[in-house]
Amino acid sequence: MLRSNSAFTMPRPRRVISPSIPLHLIQRGNNRAPCFQVQNDYLIYLDMLRECAFDAGCALHAYVLMSNHVHLLLSPDTADSASTMMQRLGQRYVQYFNRRHVRTGTLWEGRFRSSPILDERYFLICQRYIELNPVRANMVDTPADYPWSSYRTNAFGQESPLITPHPVYASLGRTLEIRRAAYRHLFSEVLSEELLDAVRRAGNSNRPLDLQQT
């Protein structure tokens, strides 16, 4: 007897999440629909993100909120921290969003995707990838022009209760001023298409970021 096509569907790779290993998380709006429509949506999401990250034991290092998807870079305290955070955050934000915009139903495209960064050499590449999203989308000329990312905090010290610097970021210099200047300088270097593709592939497939394959 012939089996249906669904029987041949390849399962999504199992998540690789380990305590203290940085994760690049991506969550998209369902059918690429907007998950942020007005300024207050961004503000509410960030406030909920701060609370849920703290409660679940996740240290957030970088983020960007695009109109129809979100990128986060964080270090979880436990193997379950990231999933716990995203579940609570997703549920709370959907409840707010549906009330605010008088809608029902799902907002997100299934579960979030994640890519562990097992080699610290790739950490800042991933962080730059995240904060450069609005530039690649031709929304702004520089990452500093976009208000809904962590760039202004990491590059200029804009106060934020969300961001915890990772040791790799701290290693950029002995003082805050030196670290921020060194971080800004990294953005003068263009990320090649090979690097961009490697980060995208890892994130979309729930696999570790491995730039050796580029």
N, C-alpha and C. Protein backbone atom coordinates (compact mmCIF):
# COMPACT_ATOMS: atom_id res chain seq x y z
N MET A 1 0.85 -1.20 0.00
CA MET A 1 0.00 0.00 0.00
C MET A 1 0.88 1.24 0.00
N LEU A 2 0.52 2.18 -0.86
CA LEU A 2 1.30 3.41 -0.94
C LEU A 2 1.04 4.27 0.28
N ARG A 3 2.11 4.87 0.79
CA ARG A 3 1.97 5.78 1.93
C ARG A 3 1.80 7.19 1.42
N SER A 4 1.17 8.03 2.21
CA SER A 4 0.97 9.42 1.82
C SER A 4 2.30 10.14 1.81
N ASN A 5 2.34 11.28 1.14
CA ASN A 5 3.57 12.06 1.05
C ASN A 5 4.06 12.50 2.42
N SER A 6 3.11 12.70 3.34
CA SER A 6 3.51 13.17 4.67
C SER A 6 4.41 12.17 5.38
N ALA A 7 4.31 10.90 4.97
CA ALA A 7 5.13 9.88 5.62
C ALA A 7 6.60 10.05 5.29
N PHE A 8 6.89 10.77 4.22
CA PHE A 8 8.27 10.94 3.79
C PHE A 8 8.84 12.30 4.21
N THR A 9 8.05 13.07 4.98
CA THR A 9 8.52 14.38 5.42
C THR A 9 9.71 14.22 6.36
N MET A 10 10.78 14.93 6.05
CA MET A 10 11.97 14.85 6.89
C MET A 10 11.73 15.59 8.20
N PRO A 11 12.06 14.99 9.34
CA PRO A 11 11.87 15.67 10.61
C PRO A 11 12.85 16.82 10.76
N ARG A 12 12.40 17.86 11.47
CA ARG A 12 13.30 18.98 11.73
C ARG A 12 14.41 18.52 12.66
N PRO A 13 15.67 18.94 12.41
CA PRO A 13 16.78 18.51 13.27
C PRO A 13 16.52 18.87 14.73
N ARG A 14 16.92 17.98 15.62
CA ARG A 14 16.76 18.21 17.05
C ARG A 14 17.59 19.42 17.48
N ARG A 15 16.99 20.23 18.36
CA ARG A 15 17.69 21.41 18.85
C ARG A 15 18.92 21.00 19.65
N VAL A 16 19.98 21.76 19.48
CA VAL A 16 21.19 21.56 20.27
C VAL A 16 21.31 22.75 21.21
N ILE A 17 20.89 22.57 22.47
CA ILE A 17 20.92 23.66 23.45
C ILE A 17 21.64 23.17 24.68
N SER A 18 22.70 23.85 25.04
CA SER A 18 23.50 23.50 26.21
C SER A 18 23.65 24.71 27.10
N PRO A 19 23.73 24.51 28.41
CA PRO A 19 23.89 25.63 29.33
C PRO A 19 25.10 26.49 28.97
N SER A 20 24.89 27.80 28.99
CA SER A 20 25.94 28.82 28.78
C SER A 20 26.45 28.91 27.35
N ILE A 21 26.02 28.02 26.44
CA ILE A 21 26.42 28.12 25.04
C ILE A 21 25.51 29.14 24.36
N PRO A 22 26.09 30.19 23.74
CA PRO A 22 25.25 31.21 23.11
C PRO A 22 24.36 30.63 22.01
N LEU A 23 23.16 31.20 21.90
CA LEU A 23 22.19 30.77 20.90
C LEU A 23 21.74 31.95 20.06
N HIS A 24 21.65 31.72 18.76
CA HIS A 24 21.00 32.67 17.85
C HIS A 24 19.58 32.16 17.64
N LEU A 25 18.59 32.92 18.13
CA LEU A 25 17.19 32.52 18.03
C LEU A 25 16.47 33.37 16.99
N ILE A 26 15.61 32.72 16.21
CA ILE A 26 14.82 33.43 15.21
C ILE A 26 13.36 33.02 15.37
N GLN A 27 12.48 33.99 15.43
CA GLN A 27 11.05 33.70 15.44
C GLN A 27 10.36 34.60 14.43
N ARG A 28 9.57 33.99 13.54
CA ARG A 28 8.94 34.72 12.45
C ARG A 28 7.43 34.79 12.64
N GLY A 29 6.85 35.86 12.09
CA GLY A 29 5.41 35.97 12.08
C GLY A 29 4.80 34.93 11.14
N ASN A 30 3.60 34.46 11.49
CA ASN A 30 2.94 33.45 10.68
C ASN A 30 2.69 33.97 9.26
N ASN A 31 3.11 33.19 8.26
CA ASN A 31 2.99 33.60 6.86
C ASN A 31 3.69 34.93 6.58
N ARG A 32 4.73 35.19 7.35
CA ARG A 32 5.52 36.41 7.22
C ARG A 32 4.69 37.67 7.45
N ALA A 33 3.58 37.53 8.17
CA ALA A 33 2.74 38.69 8.49
C ALA A 33 3.40 39.52 9.58
N PRO A 34 3.10 40.82 9.64
CA PRO A 34 3.70 41.68 10.66
C PRO A 34 3.36 41.23 12.07
N CYS A 35 4.36 41.23 12.94
CA CYS A 35 4.12 40.97 14.36
C CYS A 35 4.32 42.23 15.19
N PHE A 36 4.67 43.32 14.54
CA PHE A 36 4.75 44.64 15.16
C PHE A 36 4.11 45.63 14.18
N GLN A 37 3.11 46.37 14.66
CA GLN A 37 2.41 47.30 13.78
C GLN A 37 2.55 48.75 14.19
N VAL A 38 2.64 48.99 15.49
CA VAL A 38 2.78 50.35 15.99
C VAL A 38 3.93 50.39 17.00
N GLN A 39 4.37 51.58 17.35
CA GLN A 39 5.52 51.73 18.23
C GLN A 39 5.33 51.01 19.56
N ASN A 40 4.12 51.06 20.09
CA ASN A 40 3.88 50.44 21.39
C ASN A 40 4.08 48.93 21.35
N ASP A 41 3.86 48.32 20.19
CA ASP A 41 4.09 46.88 20.06
C ASP A 41 5.55 46.54 20.36
N TYR A 42 6.47 47.31 19.79
CA TYR A 42 7.90 47.09 20.02
C TYR A 42 8.24 47.28 21.50
N LEU A 43 7.70 48.34 22.09
CA LEU A 43 8.00 48.64 23.49
C LEU A 43 7.48 47.54 24.42
N ILE A 44 6.26 47.09 24.17
CA ILE A 44 5.67 46.04 25.00
C ILE A 44 6.47 44.74 24.86
N TYR A 45 6.85 44.39 23.63
CA TYR A 45 7.61 43.17 23.40
C TYR A 45 8.94 43.22 24.17
N LEU A 46 9.64 44.34 24.08
CA LEU A 46 10.93 44.45 24.76
C LEU A 46 10.78 44.36 26.27
N ASP A 47 9.73 44.94 26.80
CA ASP A 47 9.49 44.86 28.24
C ASP A 47 9.20 43.42 28.66
N MET A 48 8.38 42.73 27.86
CA MET A 48 8.09 41.33 28.15
C MET A 48 9.34 40.47 27.98
N LEU A 49 10.14 40.78 26.98
CA LEU A 49 11.39 40.04 26.75
C LEU A 49 12.31 40.16 27.96
N ARG A 50 12.44 41.36 28.49
CA ARG A 50 13.29 41.57 29.67
C ARG A 50 12.81 40.71 30.84
N GLU A 51 11.52 40.72 31.11
CA GLU A 51 10.99 39.96 32.23
C GLU A 51 11.13 38.45 32.02
N CYS A 52 10.78 38.00 30.83
CA CYS A 52 10.82 36.55 30.57
C CYS A 52 12.25 36.02 30.53
N ALA A 53 13.19 36.82 30.01
CA ALA A 53 14.58 36.40 29.99
C ALA A 53 15.12 36.27 31.40
N PHE A 54 14.82 37.24 32.24
CA PHE A 54 15.28 37.20 33.62
C PHE A 54 14.69 36.00 34.36
N ASP A 55 13.38 35.80 34.23
CA ASP A 55 12.71 34.71 34.94
C ASP A 55 13.20 33.34 34.50
N ALA A 56 13.51 33.21 33.20
CA ALA A 56 13.91 31.90 32.67
C ALA A 56 15.41 31.64 32.78
N GLY A 57 16.19 32.67 33.11
CA GLY A 57 17.63 32.50 33.23
C GLY A 57 18.35 32.58 31.91
N CYS A 58 18.02 33.62 31.13
CA CYS A 58 18.69 33.85 29.84
C CYS A 58 19.35 35.22 29.85
N ALA A 59 20.63 35.26 29.51
CA ALA A 59 21.36 36.52 29.39
C ALA A 59 21.32 36.95 27.93
N LEU A 60 20.69 38.10 27.67
CA LEU A 60 20.52 38.58 26.30
C LEU A 60 21.70 39.47 25.92
N HIS A 61 22.32 39.17 24.78
CA HIS A 61 23.50 39.91 24.33
C HIS A 61 23.19 40.84 23.15
N ALA A 62 22.24 40.47 22.33
CA ALA A 62 21.90 41.29 21.16
C ALA A 62 20.49 40.92 20.70
N TYR A 63 19.84 41.87 20.03
CA TYR A 63 18.51 41.61 19.49
C TYR A 63 18.22 42.58 18.35
N VAL A 64 17.27 42.20 17.51
CA VAL A 64 16.68 43.12 16.56
C VAL A 64 15.24 42.69 16.36
N LEU A 65 14.35 43.67 16.38
CA LEU A 65 12.93 43.43 16.12
C LEU A 65 12.62 43.99 14.75
N MET A 66 12.41 43.12 13.79
CA MET A 66 12.00 43.52 12.46
C MET A 66 10.46 43.49 12.42
N SER A 67 9.87 44.00 11.36
CA SER A 67 8.42 44.11 11.33
C SER A 67 7.72 42.75 11.41
N ASN A 68 8.34 41.70 10.83
CA ASN A 68 7.67 40.40 10.81
C ASN A 68 8.51 39.26 11.37
N HIS A 69 9.61 39.59 12.04
CA HIS A 69 10.39 38.54 12.70
C HIS A 69 11.35 39.16 13.71
N VAL A 70 11.91 38.27 14.53
CA VAL A 70 12.78 38.68 15.64
C VAL A 70 14.04 37.84 15.63
N HIS A 71 15.18 38.48 15.90
CA HIS A 71 16.44 37.78 16.12
C HIS A 71 16.93 38.08 17.53
N LEU A 72 17.34 37.05 18.26
CA LEU A 72 17.88 37.21 19.60
C LEU A 72 19.19 36.45 19.70
N LEU A 73 20.14 37.00 20.45
CA LEU A 73 21.39 36.32 20.76
C LEU A 73 21.51 36.26 22.28
N LEU A 74 21.54 35.06 22.83
CA LEU A 74 21.50 34.93 24.28
C LEU A 74 22.27 33.71 24.75
N SER A 75 22.55 33.70 26.05
CA SER A 75 23.17 32.55 26.70
C SER A 75 22.21 32.03 27.76
N PRO A 76 21.77 30.77 27.64
CA PRO A 76 20.83 30.19 28.61
C PRO A 76 21.55 29.59 29.81
N ASP A 77 20.96 29.72 30.99
CA ASP A 77 21.55 29.12 32.19
C ASP A 77 21.43 27.60 32.17
N THR A 78 20.32 27.09 31.61
CA THR A 78 20.09 25.66 31.57
C THR A 78 19.65 25.26 30.17
N ALA A 79 19.56 23.97 29.94
CA ALA A 79 19.15 23.47 28.62
C ALA A 79 17.71 23.86 28.30
N ASP A 80 16.90 24.15 29.33
CA ASP A 80 15.49 24.49 29.11
C ASP A 80 15.22 25.99 29.15
N SER A 81 16.22 26.79 29.48
CA SER A 81 15.98 28.22 29.69
C SER A 81 15.43 28.93 28.46
N ALA A 82 16.02 28.68 27.30
CA ALA A 82 15.59 29.38 26.09
C ALA A 82 14.17 29.00 25.71
N SER A 83 13.85 27.71 25.77
CA SER A 83 12.50 27.27 25.43
C SER A 83 11.47 27.85 26.39
N THR A 84 11.81 27.85 27.67
CA THR A 84 10.90 28.42 28.67
C THR A 84 10.66 29.90 28.40
N MET A 85 11.73 30.63 28.13
CA MET A 85 11.62 32.05 27.85
C MET A 85 10.74 32.31 26.63
N MET A 86 11.01 31.60 25.53
CA MET A 86 10.28 31.85 24.29
C MET A 86 8.81 31.45 24.40
N GLN A 87 8.52 30.39 25.15
CA GLN A 87 7.14 29.98 25.33
C GLN A 87 6.35 31.03 26.09
N ARG A 88 6.93 31.50 27.21
CA ARG A 88 6.24 32.51 28.01
C ARG A 88 6.11 33.82 27.25
N LEU A 89 7.18 34.22 26.61
CA LEU A 89 7.18 35.47 25.85
C LEU A 89 6.17 35.41 24.71
N GLY A 90 6.19 34.30 23.97
CA GLY A 90 5.28 34.17 22.84
C GLY A 90 3.83 34.23 23.26
N GLN A 91 3.47 33.52 24.32
CA GLN A 91 2.10 33.49 24.79
C GLN A 91 1.65 34.87 25.28
N ARG A 92 2.49 35.52 26.06
CA ARG A 92 2.12 36.82 26.61
C ARG A 92 1.97 37.86 25.50
N TYR A 93 2.91 37.84 24.56
CA TYR A 93 2.86 38.87 23.52
C TYR A 93 1.67 38.64 22.58
N VAL A 94 1.35 37.40 22.26
CA VAL A 94 0.20 37.13 21.39
C VAL A 94 -1.08 37.61 22.05
N GLN A 95 -1.22 37.38 23.35
CA GLN A 95 -2.40 37.87 24.06
C GLN A 95 -2.52 39.39 23.96
N TYR A 96 -1.39 40.07 24.19
CA TYR A 96 -1.40 41.53 24.06
C TYR A 96 -1.74 41.94 22.64
N PHE A 97 -1.05 41.35 21.65
CA PHE A 97 -1.19 41.76 20.25
C PHE A 97 -2.61 41.55 19.75
N ASN A 98 -3.22 40.42 20.10
CA ASN A 98 -4.57 40.15 19.66
C ASN A 98 -5.58 41.12 20.26
N ARG A 99 -5.38 41.46 21.53
CA ARG A 99 -6.27 42.45 22.14
C ARG A 99 -6.08 43.81 21.51
N ARG A 100 -4.82 44.19 21.34
CA ARG A 100 -4.51 45.53 20.84
C ARG A 100 -5.01 45.74 19.42
N HIS A 101 -4.93 44.71 18.59
CA HIS A 101 -5.26 44.86 17.18
C HIS A 101 -6.55 44.13 16.79
N VAL A 102 -7.32 43.75 17.83
CA VAL A 102 -8.65 43.17 17.63
C VAL A 102 -8.59 42.02 16.61
N ARG A 103 -7.83 40.99 16.98
CA ARG A 103 -7.67 39.84 16.11
C ARG A 103 -7.67 38.57 16.95
N THR A 104 -7.71 37.43 16.31
CA THR A 104 -7.64 36.15 17.01
C THR A 104 -6.66 35.24 16.27
N GLY A 105 -6.33 34.13 16.90
CA GLY A 105 -5.49 33.15 16.24
C GLY A 105 -4.02 33.31 16.51
N THR A 106 -3.25 32.49 15.82
CA THR A 106 -1.81 32.47 16.03
C THR A 106 -1.13 33.70 15.44
N LEU A 107 0.03 34.01 15.97
CA LEU A 107 0.82 35.13 15.45
C LEU A 107 2.14 34.62 14.90
N TRP A 108 2.69 33.57 15.53
CA TRP A 108 4.02 33.10 15.18
C TRP A 108 3.97 31.92 14.23
N GLU A 109 5.03 31.75 13.48
CA GLU A 109 5.18 30.65 12.53
C GLU A 109 5.79 29.45 13.27
N GLY A 110 4.96 28.72 13.99
CA GLY A 110 5.44 27.56 14.72
C GLY A 110 6.45 27.92 15.80
N ARG A 111 7.30 26.96 16.15
CA ARG A 111 8.31 27.18 17.18
C ARG A 111 9.46 28.02 16.64
N PHE A 112 10.16 28.62 17.56
CA PHE A 112 11.34 29.39 17.16
C PHE A 112 12.42 28.47 16.62
N ARG A 113 13.31 29.02 15.84
CA ARG A 113 14.48 28.29 15.36
C ARG A 113 15.71 28.77 16.12
N SER A 114 16.70 27.91 16.23
CA SER A 114 17.87 28.30 17.01
C SER A 114 19.14 27.68 16.46
N SER A 115 20.23 28.39 16.65
CA SER A 115 21.53 27.92 16.19
C SER A 115 22.56 28.17 17.30
N PRO A 116 23.13 27.12 17.88
CA PRO A 116 24.15 27.32 18.91
C PRO A 116 25.47 27.78 18.30
N ILE A 117 26.16 28.61 19.03
CA ILE A 117 27.47 29.11 18.59
C ILE A 117 28.51 28.42 19.44
N LEU A 118 29.06 27.35 18.92
CA LEU A 118 29.98 26.51 19.68
C LEU A 118 31.40 27.05 19.68
N ASP A 119 31.73 27.87 18.72
CA ASP A 119 33.06 28.44 18.60
C ASP A 119 32.96 29.94 18.84
N GLU A 120 33.63 30.44 19.87
CA GLU A 120 33.52 31.85 20.23
C GLU A 120 34.02 32.80 19.14
N ARG A 121 34.81 32.28 18.21
CA ARG A 121 35.29 33.13 17.12
C ARG A 121 34.13 33.63 16.26
N TYR A 122 33.01 32.91 16.30
CA TYR A 122 31.89 33.25 15.45
C TYR A 122 30.85 34.13 16.16
N PHE A 123 31.07 34.36 17.46
CA PHE A 123 30.07 35.06 18.26
C PHE A 123 29.79 36.46 17.72
N LEU A 124 30.83 37.25 17.52
CA LEU A 124 30.64 38.63 17.08
C LEU A 124 30.17 38.72 15.63
N ILE A 125 30.47 37.70 14.83
CA ILE A 125 29.93 37.66 13.47
C ILE A 125 28.41 37.54 13.54
N CYS A 126 27.93 36.65 14.40
CA CYS A 126 26.50 36.48 14.55
C CYS A 126 25.85 37.74 15.14
N GLN A 127 26.52 38.37 16.08
CA GLN A 127 25.98 39.58 16.69
C GLN A 127 25.88 40.70 15.65
N ARG A 128 26.88 40.82 14.81
CA ARG A 128 26.83 41.82 13.74
C ARG A 128 25.74 41.48 12.73
N TYR A 129 25.61 40.21 12.42
CA TYR A 129 24.55 39.77 11.50
C TYR A 129 23.19 40.24 12.01
N ILE A 130 22.95 40.06 13.29
CA ILE A 130 21.67 40.43 13.89
C ILE A 130 21.44 41.93 13.81
N GLU A 131 22.40 42.71 14.26
CA GLU A 131 22.20 44.16 14.35
C GLU A 131 22.26 44.85 12.99
N LEU A 132 22.75 44.15 11.96
CA LEU A 132 22.79 44.72 10.61
C LEU A 132 21.54 44.36 9.79
N ASN A 133 20.62 43.63 10.37
CA ASN A 133 19.42 43.24 9.63
C ASN A 133 18.68 44.43 9.02
N PRO A 134 18.45 45.51 9.75
CA PRO A 134 17.71 46.64 9.15
C PRO A 134 18.46 47.29 8.00
N VAL A 135 19.79 47.25 8.02
CA VAL A 135 20.58 47.82 6.92
C VAL A 135 20.44 46.94 5.69
N ARG A 136 20.55 45.62 5.87
CA ARG A 136 20.39 44.71 4.73
C ARG A 136 18.99 44.80 4.13
N ALA A 137 18.00 45.13 4.96
CA ALA A 137 16.63 45.26 4.48
C ALA A 137 16.35 46.63 3.88
N ASN A 138 17.39 47.47 3.80
CA ASN A 138 17.27 48.82 3.23
C ASN A 138 16.27 49.69 3.99
N MET A 139 16.16 49.44 5.28
CA MET A 139 15.29 50.25 6.12
C MET A 139 16.01 51.48 6.65
N VAL A 140 17.33 51.35 6.85
CA VAL A 140 18.17 52.44 7.36
C VAL A 140 19.52 52.37 6.68
N ASP A 141 20.28 53.45 6.79
CA ASP A 141 21.63 53.48 6.21
C ASP A 141 22.67 52.88 7.14
N THR A 142 22.49 53.06 8.43
CA THR A 142 23.43 52.52 9.42
C THR A 142 22.64 51.86 10.55
N PRO A 143 23.23 50.89 11.26
CA PRO A 143 22.50 50.24 12.35
C PRO A 143 22.12 51.20 13.46
N ALA A 144 22.88 52.28 13.62
CA ALA A 144 22.56 53.25 14.67
C ALA A 144 21.26 53.99 14.39
N ASP A 145 20.80 53.97 13.14
CA ASP A 145 19.56 54.67 12.79
C ASP A 145 18.31 53.88 13.13
N TYR A 146 18.49 52.62 13.50
CA TYR A 146 17.32 51.77 13.77
C TYR A 146 17.08 51.68 15.27
N PRO A 147 15.90 52.04 15.75
CA PRO A 147 15.68 52.11 17.20
C PRO A 147 15.40 50.78 17.88
N TRP A 148 15.06 49.75 17.11
CA TRP A 148 14.60 48.50 17.73
C TRP A 148 15.65 47.40 17.64
N SER A 149 16.86 47.74 17.99
CA SER A 149 17.93 46.75 18.08
C SER A 149 18.85 47.13 19.23
N SER A 150 19.79 46.25 19.52
CA SER A 150 20.74 46.46 20.62
C SER A 150 21.98 47.22 20.18
N TYR A 151 22.06 47.64 18.92
CA TYR A 151 23.30 48.25 18.43
C TYR A 151 23.69 49.49 19.22
N ARG A 152 22.76 50.37 19.49
CA ARG A 152 23.10 51.61 20.20
C ARG A 152 23.64 51.32 21.60
N THR A 153 23.19 50.25 22.21
CA THR A 153 23.71 49.86 23.52
C THR A 153 25.11 49.30 23.40
N ASN A 154 25.31 48.37 22.48
CA ASN A 154 26.62 47.72 22.35
C ASN A 154 27.67 48.65 21.75
N ALA A 155 27.27 49.56 20.89
CA ALA A 155 28.23 50.42 20.20
C ALA A 155 28.46 51.76 20.88
N PHE A 156 27.43 52.26 21.57
CA PHE A 156 27.54 53.61 22.14
C PHE A 156 27.19 53.69 23.63
N GLY A 157 26.77 52.58 24.20
CA GLY A 157 26.48 52.58 25.63
C GLY A 157 25.12 53.10 26.00
N GLN A 158 24.19 53.14 25.05
CA GLN A 158 22.83 53.55 25.39
C GLN A 158 22.29 52.62 26.48
N GLU A 159 21.74 53.20 27.52
CA GLU A 159 21.30 52.40 28.66
C GLU A 159 20.19 51.44 28.26
N SER A 160 20.32 50.19 28.67
CA SER A 160 19.31 49.18 28.38
C SER A 160 19.31 48.14 29.48
N PRO A 161 18.14 47.85 30.08
CA PRO A 161 18.07 46.81 31.10
C PRO A 161 18.06 45.41 30.50
N LEU A 162 18.02 45.31 29.16
CA LEU A 162 17.95 44.00 28.52
C LEU A 162 19.30 43.35 28.32
N ILE A 163 20.33 44.16 28.05
CA ILE A 163 21.58 43.63 27.52
C ILE A 163 22.59 43.28 28.60
N THR A 164 23.14 42.07 28.50
CA THR A 164 24.26 41.60 29.31
C THR A 164 25.43 41.33 28.38
N PRO A 165 26.52 42.07 28.47
CA PRO A 165 27.66 41.83 27.57
C PRO A 165 28.23 40.43 27.73
N HIS A 166 28.50 39.78 26.62
CA HIS A 166 29.13 38.46 26.64
C HIS A 166 30.64 38.63 26.85
N PRO A 167 31.33 37.64 27.44
CA PRO A 167 32.78 37.74 27.62
C PRO A 167 33.54 38.02 26.33
N VAL A 168 33.06 37.52 25.19
CA VAL A 168 33.74 37.81 23.92
C VAL A 168 33.67 39.30 23.62
N TYR A 169 32.53 39.91 23.86
CA TYR A 169 32.40 41.36 23.68
C TYR A 169 33.32 42.08 24.67
N ALA A 170 33.34 41.63 25.93
CA ALA A 170 34.17 42.28 26.95
C ALA A 170 35.65 42.20 26.60
N SER A 171 36.05 41.20 25.84
CA SER A 171 37.46 41.04 25.48
C SER A 171 37.94 42.03 24.42
N LEU A 172 37.03 42.84 23.89
CA LEU A 172 37.41 43.80 22.85
C LEU A 172 38.28 44.95 23.39
N GLY A 173 38.27 45.16 24.69
CA GLY A 173 39.09 46.24 25.24
C GLY A 173 39.04 46.30 26.75
N ARG A 174 39.98 47.03 27.32
CA ARG A 174 40.12 47.09 28.78
C ARG A 174 39.08 48.01 29.41
N THR A 175 38.58 48.98 28.66
CA THR A 175 37.60 49.91 29.21
C THR A 175 36.35 49.91 28.33
N LEU A 176 35.28 50.47 28.88
CA LEU A 176 34.03 50.56 28.11
C LEU A 176 34.23 51.33 26.82
N GLU A 177 34.96 52.44 26.90
CA GLU A 177 35.16 53.27 25.72
C GLU A 177 35.93 52.52 24.64
N ILE A 178 36.97 51.79 25.04
CA ILE A 178 37.76 51.03 24.07
C ILE A 178 36.93 49.91 23.46
N ARG A 179 36.15 49.22 24.30
CA ARG A 179 35.32 48.13 23.79
C ARG A 179 34.28 48.65 22.79
N ARG A 180 33.64 49.74 23.12
CA ARG A 180 32.62 50.28 22.21
C ARG A 180 33.22 50.76 20.90
N ALA A 181 34.38 51.40 20.98
CA ALA A 181 35.05 51.85 19.75
C ALA A 181 35.46 50.66 18.89
N ALA A 182 35.98 49.62 19.53
CA ALA A 182 36.38 48.42 18.78
C ALA A 182 35.16 47.75 18.15
N TYR A 183 34.06 47.76 18.87
CA TYR A 183 32.84 47.16 18.35
C TYR A 183 32.33 47.94 17.15
N ARG A 184 32.34 49.26 17.24
CA ARG A 184 31.90 50.07 16.10
C ARG A 184 32.79 49.83 14.89
N HIS A 185 34.07 49.65 15.14
CA HIS A 185 35.01 49.42 14.04
C HIS A 185 34.69 48.13 13.30
N LEU A 186 34.20 47.11 14.02
CA LEU A 186 33.85 45.85 13.37
C LEU A 186 32.81 46.05 12.27
N PHE A 187 31.96 47.05 12.43
CA PHE A 187 30.89 47.26 11.46
C PHE A 187 31.37 47.96 10.20
N SER A 188 32.62 48.36 10.19
CA SER A 188 33.18 48.90 8.95
C SER A 188 33.63 47.78 8.01
N GLU A 189 33.69 46.56 8.55
CA GLU A 189 34.05 45.39 7.74
C GLU A 189 32.77 44.74 7.21
N VAL A 190 32.71 44.55 5.93
CA VAL A 190 31.52 43.98 5.30
C VAL A 190 31.46 42.47 5.55
N LEU A 191 30.29 41.99 5.95
CA LEU A 191 30.08 40.56 6.08
C LEU A 191 29.85 39.99 4.68
N SER A 192 30.66 39.03 4.28
CA SER A 192 30.57 38.48 2.94
C SER A 192 29.27 37.70 2.77
N GLU A 193 28.88 37.48 1.52
CA GLU A 193 27.69 36.69 1.25
C GLU A 193 27.85 35.27 1.78
N GLU A 194 29.07 34.75 1.76
CA GLU A 194 29.31 33.41 2.28
C GLU A 194 29.02 33.35 3.78
N LEU A 195 29.46 34.38 4.52
CA LEU A 195 29.19 34.41 5.95
C LEU A 195 27.70 34.57 6.22
N LEU A 196 27.05 35.46 5.48
CA LEU A 196 25.62 35.67 5.66
C LEU A 196 24.84 34.38 5.40
N ASP A 197 25.20 33.68 4.34
CA ASP A 197 24.52 32.43 4.01
C ASP A 197 24.75 31.38 5.10
N ALA A 198 25.96 31.34 5.65
CA ALA A 198 26.26 30.36 6.69
C ALA A 198 25.41 30.61 7.93
N VAL A 199 25.26 31.87 8.32
CA VAL A 199 24.44 32.20 9.49
C VAL A 199 22.98 31.87 9.21
N ARG A 200 22.51 32.19 8.01
CA ARG A 200 21.12 31.89 7.66
C ARG A 200 20.85 30.39 7.68
N ARG A 201 21.76 29.62 7.07
CA ARG A 201 21.56 28.17 7.00
C ARG A 201 21.51 27.56 8.40
N ALA A 202 22.43 27.99 9.24
CA ALA A 202 22.47 27.45 10.60
C ALA A 202 21.19 27.77 11.35
N GLY A 203 20.75 29.02 11.25
CA GLY A 203 19.54 29.42 11.96
C GLY A 203 18.30 28.73 11.46
N ASN A 204 18.18 28.55 10.16
CA ASN A 204 16.98 27.95 9.58
C ASN A 204 16.92 26.44 9.78
N SER A 205 18.06 25.82 10.06
CA SER A 205 18.10 24.36 10.18
C SER A 205 18.31 23.88 11.61
N ASN A 206 18.35 24.79 12.57
CA ASN A 206 18.58 24.42 13.98
C ASN A 206 19.92 23.72 14.16
N ARG A 207 20.90 24.12 13.40
CA ARG A 207 22.23 23.48 13.49
C ARG A 207 23.25 24.49 14.02
N PRO A 208 24.36 24.00 14.57
CA PRO A 208 25.41 24.91 15.04
C PRO A 208 25.98 25.74 13.90
N LEU A 209 26.34 26.97 14.22
CA LEU A 209 27.00 27.83 13.24
C LEU A 209 28.42 27.33 13.04
N ASP A 210 28.72 26.91 11.81
CA ASP A 210 30.05 26.38 11.49
C ASP A 210 30.55 27.08 10.23
N LEU A 211 31.40 28.07 10.42
CA LEU A 211 31.89 28.84 9.29
C LEU A 211 33.01 28.12 8.56
N GLN A 212 33.45 26.98 9.08
CA GLN A 212 34.46 26.20 8.38
C GLN A 212 33.90 25.66 7.05
N GLN A 213 32.56 25.61 6.95
CA GLN A 213 31.94 25.06 5.77
C GLN A 213 31.71 26.10 4.68
N THR A 214 32.07 27.37 4.94
CA THR A 214 31.84 28.41 3.95
C THR A 214 32.94 28.37 2.91
